[in-house]
Protein backbone atom coordinates (compact mmCIF):
# COMPACT_ATOMS: atom_id res chain seq x y z
CA UNK A 1 5.47 -8.92 13.77
CA UNK A 2 8.88 -9.00 12.09
CA UNK A 3 9.09 -7.82 8.51
CA UNK A 4 11.19 -9.55 5.90
CA UNK A 5 13.84 -7.46 4.16
CA UNK A 6 12.60 -5.67 1.07
CA UNK A 7 10.84 -2.61 -0.23
CA UNK A 8 7.68 -1.48 1.55
CA UNK A 9 5.61 1.65 0.95
CA UNK A 10 2.80 3.40 2.78
CA UNK A 11 -0.53 2.55 1.18
CA UNK A 12 -2.64 5.56 0.33
CA UNK A 13 -6.40 5.13 0.66
CA UNK A 14 -8.77 6.74 -1.84
CA UNK A 15 -11.88 8.23 -0.24
CA UNK A 16 -15.14 9.34 -1.81
CA UNK A 17 -16.61 12.75 -1.18
CA UNK A 18 -18.86 11.15 1.47
CA UNK A 19 -15.85 9.75 3.36
CA UNK A 20 -16.31 6.15 2.25
CA UNK A 21 -13.37 4.08 1.02
CA UNK A 22 -13.35 3.60 -2.74
CA UNK A 23 -12.76 -0.15 -2.61
CA UNK A 24 -12.33 -0.75 -6.34
CA UNK A 25 -9.74 2.02 -6.63
CA UNK A 26 -7.96 0.78 -3.50
CA UNK A 27 -7.72 -2.74 -4.93
CA UNK A 28 -6.29 -1.32 -8.17
CA UNK A 29 -3.71 0.72 -6.22
CA UNK A 30 -2.63 -2.32 -4.22
CA UNK A 31 -2.29 -4.45 -7.34
CA UNK A 32 -0.29 -1.73 -9.08
CA UNK A 33 2.06 -1.34 -6.09
CA UNK A 34 2.68 -5.06 -5.56
CA UNK A 35 2.42 -6.59 -9.04
CA UNK A 36 3.53 -3.78 -11.33
CA UNK A 37 5.72 -1.85 -8.90
CA UNK A 38 7.40 -4.93 -7.48
CA UNK A 39 7.08 -3.93 -3.83
CA UNK A 40 7.47 -6.63 -1.18
CA UNK A 41 4.65 -5.26 0.94
CA UNK A 42 2.65 -2.26 2.08
CA UNK A 43 2.35 -0.40 5.36
CA UNK A 44 -1.15 0.44 6.40
CA UNK A 45 -0.95 3.78 8.17
CA UNK A 46 2.85 3.59 8.13
CA UNK A 47 5.72 5.40 6.54
CA UNK A 48 7.80 4.69 3.48
CA UNK A 49 11.28 3.28 3.64
CA UNK A 50 13.49 0.25 3.16
CA UNK A 51 13.51 -2.60 5.66
CA UNK A 52 16.83 -4.43 5.87
């Protein structure tokens, strides 16, 4: 998969004390990163940096 140029960040995942993914909080984090933060995309299990 080839990424388009832009700003991408590693997506953190919020976990509950029982190890489950907090889906509502994750959705809010994704929206904040893409819509509010203006990122072009997110890495899942990746690193932060600029793709050019």
